[in-house]
Amino acid sequence: MSLLDRNQVFQSLSSSPNARLEHSAELGDGLGAALWSNHHDARDYAGPQVHTLSCYLAGGTGTFRRERPEAKGAPGKLCILPAGHESSWVINGEIRLAHLYFSTQHFAEAAVTLLDREPRELQLQERTFLDDPQQVARFHQLIQLDWKEPAERLRATSIGFEMIHHNVLTQAGLRDGLRLKGGLAPALRKRLMDYIDSRLAEPISLGELAAFAALSEYHFARMFRESFGMPPHQYVLARRLERARWLLRETALPLGEVALACGFSSASHFSNRFRAAMGGSPGAYRAALR
C-alpha cells in the first residue's frame, strides 16, 4: 500500500466534496506531497499512520481548529500533524495549501542519527499555525517543481529530506511520562551507529552486529528494533542510501565508486536499490541536483 493510500489526512481530504487535489505524487523513499485547494469545509483527522507537514499558501484566514477557535490561519502559516494525532478543522472561505507526508521510519532514523536519541523517547510536536520562514521557503521550492518529471521529482525528494531533518531538529520533544523498557543501552546504541557508519563499504550481517553487541541474534534484532525504530537491515540500507545521496550531491566520484563506497556489490545493484527507493537512477539524481 502506498504512502498516500494509507494516509488518513490525504484520504479525508480526497473524500471531501469541497476539497480539490491539484497535484500529488509519491516522491520516493517513503515521501509524498500534495497540493490542495478547499473552501467552506470541515475535516476530521483521527490517528493517521504518517506525519504531515502543512503550509498555507493562500487564504486560510477563516480556518481554525474546533478545539481552538480563537486561532486562525493565514498565508505562510505551518501546521505539524504527527502520526497518531487527532484534530478537527473548520474551513471558512478559501484556502490553498501544500502537504508533505513522511513515514514514522523517517522520523525514527532522524531521531537516532541527528539527535542520538531513541525514537521511543521522542515525538514530533503537534503545532498549529507555526511561523517558520525556512520551511515556508522550502515549501515554495517544492510546489514549483513538476513532481511527475523524474529529475524534478528527485529534487523534490531532496527538499523533502531537508524539511524532515529541520522538523526533527526543531520540533521533536520528549514524550511525557515515558518509562522505557528493553532496548539497547544508550552507549551501545551510539557505538553501533558509529560502527555501522564506519563499515558501510563492507558487508554487514546480523550476526556481526549481534556479536558486536554481545547478544544472540534473536535478542539483538528485537532490542535493535526497539531502540532504532526499525529492523537492523532497514537501518543499514537507510544509512547506505543516505551516504550515497551525500556522495552524489557533494562529490564527483564515478557511480561505480559510489556504489562500492556504500557497500553495494555492483553498480547495477546500487542503481536498482537506489531507483527502488528514490524513483530515479543515481545518475539522474546527481544531474537533477546540479
Protein backbone atom coordinates (compact mmCIF):
# COMPACT_ATOMS: atom_id res chain seq x y z
CA MET A 1 0.00 0.00 0.00
CA SER A 2 1.41 3.40 -0.96
CA LEU A 3 2.05 6.24 1.46
CA LEU A 4 -0.91 8.20 0.10
CA ASP A 5 -3.25 5.21 0.23
CA ARG A 6 -2.57 4.64 3.94
CA ASN A 7 -2.55 8.34 4.82
CA GLN A 8 -5.73 9.28 6.67
CA VAL A 9 -5.16 13.02 6.17
CA PHE A 10 -4.84 12.59 2.41
CA GLN A 11 -7.83 10.25 2.25
CA SER A 12 -10.02 12.55 4.35
CA LEU A 13 -9.39 15.48 2.03
CA SER A 14 -9.86 13.27 -1.02
CA SER A 15 -13.33 12.32 0.19
CA SER A 16 -14.43 15.93 0.66
CA PRO A 17 -16.80 17.35 -2.00
CA ASN A 18 -15.24 20.80 -1.50
CA ALA A 19 -11.54 19.98 -1.49
CA ARG A 20 -9.72 19.80 -4.82
CA LEU A 21 -6.49 17.90 -5.30
CA GLU A 22 -4.40 19.99 -7.69
CA HIS A 23 -1.36 17.75 -7.72
CA SER A 24 0.06 14.82 -5.78
CA ALA A 25 2.95 12.41 -6.04
CA GLU A 26 4.86 9.67 -4.31
CA LEU A 27 8.22 11.40 -4.29
CA GLY A 28 10.28 8.34 -3.48
CA ASP A 29 11.80 6.75 -0.38
CA GLY A 30 8.53 6.90 1.54
CA LEU A 31 7.81 10.60 0.95
CA GLY A 32 4.64 12.03 -0.55
CA ALA A 33 3.41 15.50 -1.43
CA ALA A 34 0.10 17.08 -2.38
CA LEU A 35 -1.20 20.48 -3.38
CA TRP A 36 -4.79 21.22 -2.31
CA SER A 37 -7.42 23.93 -2.55
CA ASN A 38 -10.52 23.91 -0.35
CA HIS A 39 -13.44 26.07 0.71
CA HIS A 40 -16.28 26.04 3.27
CA ASP A 41 -15.46 22.61 4.62
CA ALA A 42 -14.98 20.65 7.84
CA ARG A 43 -12.42 17.85 8.16
CA ASP A 44 -11.52 15.48 10.99
CA TYR A 45 -8.22 13.62 11.28
CA ALA A 46 -8.07 10.65 13.65
CA GLY A 47 -4.84 8.76 14.21
CA PRO A 48 -3.10 8.97 10.81
CA GLN A 49 -0.27 6.48 10.34
CA VAL A 50 2.12 9.03 8.81
CA HIS A 51 3.34 12.51 9.69
CA THR A 52 2.01 15.53 7.78
CA LEU A 53 3.62 18.94 7.35
CA SER A 54 1.20 21.56 6.04
CA CYS A 55 1.87 25.04 4.64
CA TYR A 56 -0.85 27.61 3.90
CA LEU A 57 -0.06 29.19 0.54
CA ALA A 58 -3.08 31.46 0.11
CA GLY A 59 -6.20 32.27 2.12
CA GLY A 60 -6.86 30.31 5.27
CA THR A 61 -7.79 33.33 7.38
CA GLY A 62 -11.11 31.67 8.21
CA THR A 63 -9.58 28.28 9.02
CA PHE A 64 -9.38 27.13 12.64
CA ARG A 65 -9.43 24.05 14.85
CA ARG A 66 -12.69 23.36 16.66
CA GLU A 67 -10.84 22.99 19.95
CA ARG A 68 -9.00 26.31 19.39
CA PRO A 69 -11.46 28.59 17.58
CA GLU A 70 -9.65 31.77 18.63
CA ALA A 71 -6.57 30.98 16.48
CA LYS A 72 -6.93 31.49 12.72
CA GLY A 73 -4.70 30.56 9.84
CA ALA A 74 -3.05 32.80 7.26
CA PRO A 75 -0.71 32.54 4.28
CA GLY A 76 2.73 31.43 5.39
CA LYS A 77 1.49 29.52 8.44
CA LEU A 78 2.60 25.95 9.06
CA CYS A 79 0.87 23.07 10.80
CA ILE A 80 2.56 19.89 12.03
CA LEU A 81 0.19 16.94 12.26
CA PRO A 82 2.07 13.98 13.78
CA ALA A 83 1.13 10.37 13.20
CA GLY A 84 -1.49 9.31 15.75
CA HIS A 85 -2.79 12.81 16.49
CA GLU A 86 -6.47 13.85 16.41
CA SER A 87 -7.79 17.18 15.17
CA SER A 88 -10.97 18.74 13.80
CA TRP A 89 -10.82 21.62 11.31
CA VAL A 90 -13.28 24.20 10.03
CA ILE A 91 -12.51 25.96 6.74
CA ASN A 92 -14.45 29.18 6.22
CA GLY A 93 -13.68 30.86 2.92
CA GLU A 94 -10.95 29.81 0.54
CA ILE A 95 -7.63 28.13 1.24
CA ARG A 96 -4.76 26.75 -0.79
CA LEU A 97 -2.19 24.59 0.95
CA ALA A 98 0.64 22.14 0.37
CA HIS A 99 1.34 18.94 2.28
CA LEU A 100 4.46 16.85 2.76
CA TYR A 101 3.86 13.33 4.09
CA PHE A 102 6.54 11.11 5.61
CA SER A 103 6.66 7.85 7.50
CA THR A 104 7.39 7.20 11.15
CA GLN A 105 10.51 5.34 9.99
CA HIS A 106 11.94 8.60 8.63
CA PHE A 107 11.32 10.25 11.99
CA ALA A 108 12.96 7.31 13.76
CA GLU A 109 16.08 7.39 11.58
CA ALA A 110 16.46 11.15 12.02
CA ALA A 111 15.95 10.89 15.79
CA VAL A 112 18.79 8.38 16.01
CA THR A 113 21.22 9.95 13.55
CA LEU A 114 20.61 13.67 14.17
CA LEU A 115 19.79 13.69 17.89
CA ASP A 116 21.32 10.43 19.09
CA ARG A 117 18.09 9.58 20.90
CA GLU A 118 15.85 6.55 20.86
CA PRO A 119 12.77 7.21 18.71
CA ARG A 120 10.64 5.90 21.59
CA GLU A 121 11.86 8.82 23.72
CA LEU A 122 10.75 11.46 21.25
CA GLN A 123 7.64 12.63 19.49
CA LEU A 124 7.08 15.12 16.71
CA GLN A 125 5.37 18.03 18.45
CA GLU A 126 1.92 18.95 17.19
CA ARG A 127 1.90 22.58 16.01
CA THR A 128 -0.88 24.81 14.69
CA PHE A 129 -0.20 27.98 12.69
CA LEU A 130 3.54 27.93 13.29
CA ASP A 131 5.87 30.60 11.88
CA ASP A 132 8.97 29.12 10.25
CA PRO A 133 10.25 31.11 7.24
CA GLN A 134 12.84 28.47 6.31
CA GLN A 135 10.21 25.76 5.97
CA VAL A 136 7.86 28.08 4.11
CA ALA A 137 10.65 28.82 1.60
CA ARG A 138 11.22 25.09 1.14
CA PHE A 139 7.51 24.52 0.56
CA HIS A 140 7.53 27.18 -2.16
CA GLN A 141 10.53 25.49 -3.79
CA LEU A 142 8.70 22.18 -3.58
CA ILE A 143 5.49 23.33 -5.28
CA GLN A 144 7.36 24.99 -8.14
CA LEU A 145 8.69 21.60 -9.24
CA ASP A 146 6.92 19.23 -11.60
CA TRP A 147 6.61 16.11 -9.44
CA LYS A 148 5.77 13.93 -12.44
CA GLU A 149 9.01 14.81 -14.22
CA PRO A 150 11.72 12.40 -12.99
CA ALA A 151 14.54 14.90 -12.43
CA GLU A 152 12.32 17.42 -10.68
CA ARG A 153 10.75 14.70 -8.55
CA LEU A 154 14.25 13.76 -7.37
CA ARG A 155 14.90 17.40 -6.47
CA ALA A 156 11.61 17.41 -4.59
CA THR A 157 12.69 14.34 -2.62
CA SER A 158 15.92 16.08 -1.64
CA ILE A 159 13.96 19.12 -0.44
CA GLY A 160 11.61 16.79 1.45
CA PHE A 161 14.51 15.32 3.42
CA GLU A 162 15.72 18.82 4.30
CA MET A 163 12.25 19.59 5.65
CA ILE A 164 12.08 16.38 7.70
CA HIS A 165 15.51 16.96 9.24
CA HIS A 166 14.64 20.57 10.05
CA ASN A 167 11.46 19.48 11.82
CA VAL A 168 13.21 16.77 13.82
CA LEU A 169 15.88 19.25 14.93
CA THR A 170 13.41 22.00 15.85
CA GLN A 171 10.09 20.31 16.67
CA ALA A 172 10.91 16.98 18.34
CA GLY A 173 10.23 16.77 22.08
CA LEU A 174 10.39 14.22 24.86
CA ARG A 175 7.34 12.09 25.45
CA ASP A 176 5.58 12.80 28.73
CA GLY A 177 5.72 10.20 31.49
CA LEU A 178 7.87 7.85 29.46
CA ARG A 179 9.27 4.71 31.07
CA LEU A 180 11.34 2.75 28.61
CA LYS A 181 11.74 -0.99 28.97
CA GLY A 182 14.04 -3.11 26.87
CA GLY A 183 16.14 -1.83 24.03
CA LEU A 184 19.86 -1.16 23.88
CA ALA A 185 21.78 0.95 26.36
CA PRO A 186 22.46 4.48 25.00
CA ALA A 187 26.23 3.96 24.95
CA LEU A 188 25.87 0.71 23.00
CA ARG A 189 23.40 2.33 20.61
CA LYS A 190 25.91 5.09 19.87
CA ARG A 191 28.74 2.58 19.36
CA LEU A 192 26.56 0.61 16.97
CA MET A 193 25.73 3.72 14.95
CA ASP A 194 29.42 4.60 14.65
CA TYR A 195 30.33 1.00 13.82
CA ILE A 196 27.72 0.75 11.06
CA ASP A 197 28.70 4.11 9.55
CA SER A 198 32.38 3.12 9.59
CA ARG A 199 31.67 -0.12 7.72
CA LEU A 200 29.12 0.93 5.08
CA ALA A 201 31.57 0.00 2.33
CA GLU A 202 31.65 -3.61 3.59
CA PRO A 203 29.07 -6.36 4.02
CA ILE A 204 27.33 -6.10 7.41
CA SER A 205 25.48 -9.15 8.71
CA LEU A 206 23.03 -9.52 11.55
CA GLY A 207 25.42 -11.97 13.18
CA GLU A 208 28.27 -9.47 13.03
CA LEU A 209 26.17 -6.74 14.67
CA ALA A 210 24.87 -9.15 17.31
CA ALA A 211 28.42 -10.23 18.13
CA PHE A 212 29.47 -6.58 18.40
CA ALA A 213 26.68 -6.09 20.95
CA ALA A 214 27.48 -9.41 22.70
CA LEU A 215 23.90 -10.64 22.23
CA SER A 216 22.22 -13.53 20.45
CA GLU A 217 20.91 -12.66 17.00
CA TYR A 218 17.30 -13.05 18.20
CA HIS A 219 17.64 -10.74 21.20
CA PHE A 220 19.79 -8.27 19.31
CA ALA A 221 17.25 -7.94 16.47
CA ARG A 222 14.41 -7.37 18.95
CA MET A 223 16.32 -4.84 21.05
CA PHE A 224 17.69 -3.05 17.99
CA ARG A 225 14.17 -2.53 16.64
CA GLU A 226 13.03 -1.14 19.99
CA SER A 227 15.91 1.35 20.10
CA PHE A 228 16.15 2.31 16.43
CA GLY A 229 12.51 2.11 15.39
CA MET A 230 13.24 -0.33 12.55
CA PRO A 231 14.95 -3.69 11.93
CA PRO A 232 18.76 -3.74 11.54
CA HIS A 233 18.70 -4.43 7.79
CA GLN A 234 16.40 -1.46 7.14
CA TYR A 235 18.60 0.85 9.18
CA VAL A 236 21.76 -0.29 7.38
CA LEU A 237 20.12 0.20 3.98
CA ALA A 238 18.87 3.65 5.01
CA ARG A 239 22.40 4.64 6.04
CA ARG A 240 23.83 3.30 2.77
CA LEU A 241 21.32 5.33 0.77
CA GLU A 242 21.96 8.45 2.84
CA ARG A 243 25.71 8.06 2.25
CA ALA A 244 25.04 7.57 -1.46
CA ARG A 245 22.92 10.70 -1.67
CA TRP A 246 25.66 12.70 0.04
CA LEU A 247 28.37 11.37 -2.29
CA LEU A 248 26.26 12.01 -5.37
CA ARG A 249 25.49 15.52 -4.19
CA GLU A 250 28.88 16.58 -2.83
CA THR A 251 31.47 14.70 -4.89
CA ALA A 252 32.27 13.83 -8.49
CA LEU A 253 33.06 10.18 -7.77
CA PRO A 254 32.09 7.82 -10.61
CA LEU A 255 28.91 5.87 -9.92
CA GLY A 256 30.81 2.61 -9.61
CA GLU A 257 32.98 4.07 -6.85
CA VAL A 258 29.93 5.48 -5.08
CA ALA A 259 28.36 2.02 -5.20
CA LEU A 260 31.43 0.39 -3.63
CA ALA A 261 31.81 3.13 -1.02
CA CYS A 262 28.25 2.46 0.13
CA GLY A 263 28.53 -1.31 0.28
CA PHE A 264 26.68 -2.30 -2.88
CA SER A 265 28.14 -5.27 -4.71
CA SER A 266 27.99 -3.65 -8.14
CA ALA A 267 26.91 -0.51 -9.94
CA SER A 268 23.80 -2.30 -11.21
CA HIS A 269 22.85 -3.50 -7.71
CA PHE A 270 23.34 0.06 -6.42
CA SER A 271 21.29 1.50 -9.27
CA ASN A 272 18.43 -0.94 -8.69
CA ARG A 273 18.31 -0.26 -4.94
CA PHE A 274 18.59 3.49 -5.42
CA ARG A 275 15.91 3.57 -8.11
CA ALA A 276 13.53 1.47 -5.99
CA ALA A 277 13.92 3.88 -3.06
CA MET A 278 14.17 7.22 -4.84
CA GLY A 279 12.21 6.71 -8.03
CA GLY A 280 15.17 7.55 -10.26
CA SER A 281 18.70 6.40 -11.05
CA PRO A 282 21.81 7.65 -9.20
CA GLY A 283 22.94 9.45 -12.32
CA ALA A 284 19.59 11.18 -12.70
CA TYR A 285 19.68 12.20 -9.03
CA ARG A 286 23.14 13.76 -9.43
CA ALA A 287 22.11 15.56 -12.61
CA ALA A 288 18.89 16.83 -11.04
CA LEU A 289 20.72 18.42 -8.11
CA ARG A 290 23.30 20.05 -10.34
